[in-house]
Amino acid sequence: MTTLHVRKDELETVAEPYPTVASIEVDSKLPNTLKISIKTREPVAAIVANGVRQAVAADGVILRGVKSG
């Protein structure tokens, strides 16, 4: 990838294992500007399943690896 040819789908694939990443936006401008914006999910609740406490985002995504408070 270069600033002229950024593959958003590849960035999303790389970020997929991280549930805190809600979305990625990419904006490139000639000659040498690349802006990558990442919208994150914040924990708003916690659930307990099989004795394990898990953080949950507002959209219902379980945020594995995030402390639930």
C-alpha atoms as a PDB file:
ATOM      1  CA  MET A   1       0.000   0.000   0.000  1.00  0.00           C
ATOM      2  CA  THR A   2       1.055   3.580  -0.663  1.00  0.00           C
ATOM      3  CA  THR A   3      -0.673   6.889   0.037  1.00  0.00           C
ATOM      4  CA  LEU A   4      -2.005   6.679  -3.529  1.00  0.00           C
ATOM      5  CA  HIS A   5      -3.316   3.148  -3.197  1.00  0.00           C
ATOM      6  CA  VAL A   6      -4.694   2.325   0.237  1.00  0.00           C
ATOM      7  CA  ARG A   7      -6.743  -0.832   0.488  1.00  0.00           C
ATOM      8  CA  LYS A   8      -9.402  -0.185   3.104  1.00  0.00           C
ATOM      9  CA  ASP A   9     -10.485  -3.841   2.950  1.00  0.00           C
ATOM     10  CA  GLU A  10      -6.982  -4.933   3.991  1.00  0.00           C
ATOM     11  CA  LEU A  11      -6.982  -2.500   6.914  1.00  0.00           C
ATOM     12  CA  GLU A  12     -10.377  -3.823   8.029  1.00  0.00           C
ATOM     13  CA  THR A  13      -9.131  -7.415   7.777  1.00  0.00           C
ATOM     14  CA  VAL A  14      -6.118  -6.605   9.943  1.00  0.00           C
ATOM     15  CA  ALA A  15      -8.351  -4.867  12.526  1.00  0.00           C
ATOM     16  CA  GLU A  16     -10.970  -7.642  12.560  1.00  0.00           C
ATOM     17  CA  PRO A  17      -9.503  -9.542  15.555  1.00  0.00           C
ATOM     18  CA  TYR A  18      -9.846  -6.383  17.669  1.00  0.00           C
ATOM     19  CA  PRO A  19     -13.493  -5.996  18.752  1.00  0.00           C
ATOM     20  CA  THR A  20     -12.859  -2.463  20.027  1.00  0.00           C
ATOM     21  CA  VAL A  21     -12.448  -1.286  16.408  1.00  0.00           C
ATOM     22  CA  ALA A  22     -15.932  -0.378  15.152  1.00  0.00           C
ATOM     23  CA  SER A  23     -14.945   1.123  11.793  1.00  0.00           C
ATOM     24  CA  ILE A  24     -12.069   2.498   9.758  1.00  0.00           C
ATOM     25  CA  GLU A  25     -12.170   5.451   7.361  1.00  0.00           C
ATOM     26  CA  VAL A  26      -9.344   6.259   4.955  1.00  0.00           C
ATOM     27  CA  ASP A  27      -8.748   9.558   3.182  1.00  0.00           C
ATOM     28  CA  SER A  28      -5.719  10.165   0.976  1.00  0.00           C
ATOM     29  CA  LYS A  29      -4.788  13.447  -0.651  1.00  0.00           C
ATOM     30  CA  LEU A  30      -2.019  14.121  -3.106  1.00  0.00           C
ATOM     31  CA  PRO A  31       0.856  14.431  -2.877  1.00  0.00           C
ATOM     32  CA  ASN A  32       1.632  12.910   0.516  1.00  0.00           C
ATOM     33  CA  THR A  33      -1.269  12.991   2.959  1.00  0.00           C
ATOM     34  CA  LEU A  34      -2.921   9.913   4.371  1.00  0.00           C
ATOM     35  CA  LYS A  35      -5.544  10.145   7.117  1.00  0.00           C
ATOM     36  CA  ILE A  36      -6.797   6.985   8.800  1.00  0.00           C
ATOM     37  CA  SER A  37      -9.648   7.452  11.285  1.00  0.00           C
ATOM     38  CA  ILE A  38     -10.641   4.663  13.629  1.00  0.00           C
ATOM     39  CA  LYS A  39     -13.961   4.657  15.461  1.00  0.00           C
ATOM     40  CA  THR A  40     -13.740   2.581  18.615  1.00  0.00           C
ATOM     41  CA  ARG A  41     -16.289   0.765  20.731  1.00  0.00           C
ATOM     42  CA  GLU A  42     -16.386   1.628  24.414  1.00  0.00           C
ATOM     43  CA  PRO A  43     -17.578  -0.769  27.108  1.00  0.00           C
ATOM     44  CA  VAL A  44     -20.990   0.190  28.491  1.00  0.00           C
ATOM     45  CA  ALA A  45     -21.933  -2.980  30.358  1.00  0.00           C
ATOM     46  CA  ALA A  46     -20.623  -6.316  31.525  1.00  0.00           C
ATOM     47  CA  ILE A  47     -21.948  -9.838  31.329  1.00  0.00           C
ATOM     48  CA  VAL A  48     -20.906 -12.947  33.175  1.00  0.00           C
ATOM     49  CA  ALA A  49     -20.834 -16.177  31.187  1.00  0.00           C
ATOM     50  CA  ASN A  50     -19.369 -19.400  32.561  1.00  0.00           C
ATOM     51  CA  GLY A  51     -17.967 -17.435  35.488  1.00  0.00           C
ATOM     52  CA  VAL A  52     -16.062 -15.019  33.233  1.00  0.00           C
ATOM     53  CA  ARG A  53     -16.894 -11.317  33.266  1.00  0.00           C
ATOM     54  CA  GLN A  54     -16.837  -9.728  29.781  1.00  0.00           C
ATOM     55  CA  ALA A  55     -17.187  -6.101  28.709  1.00  0.00           C
ATOM     56  CA  VAL A  56     -19.951  -5.337  26.194  1.00  0.00           C
ATOM     57  CA  ALA A  57     -20.261  -2.378  23.794  1.00  0.00           C
ATOM     58  CA  ALA A  58     -23.485  -0.441  23.161  1.00  0.00           C
ATOM     59  CA  ASP A  59     -24.035  -2.342  19.905  1.00  0.00           C
ATOM     60  CA  GLY A  60     -23.878  -5.693  21.737  1.00  0.00           C
ATOM     61  CA  VAL A  61     -20.376  -6.694  20.667  1.00  0.00           C
ATOM     62  CA  ILE A  62     -18.463  -8.560  23.379  1.00  0.00           C
ATOM     63  CA  LEU A  63     -15.159  -6.785  23.936  1.00  0.00           C
ATOM     64  CA  ARG A  64     -12.875  -9.712  24.684  1.00  0.00           C
ATOM     65  CA  GLY A  65      -9.668  -8.636  26.379  1.00  0.00           C
ATOM     66  CA  VAL A  66     -11.129  -5.351  27.652  1.00  0.00           C
ATOM     67  CA  LYS A  67     -11.485  -4.891  31.394  1.00  0.00           C
ATOM     68  CA  SER A  68     -15.115  -4.672  32.412  1.00  0.00           C
ATOM     69  CA  GLY A  69     -14.533  -2.532  35.441  1.00  0.00           C
END
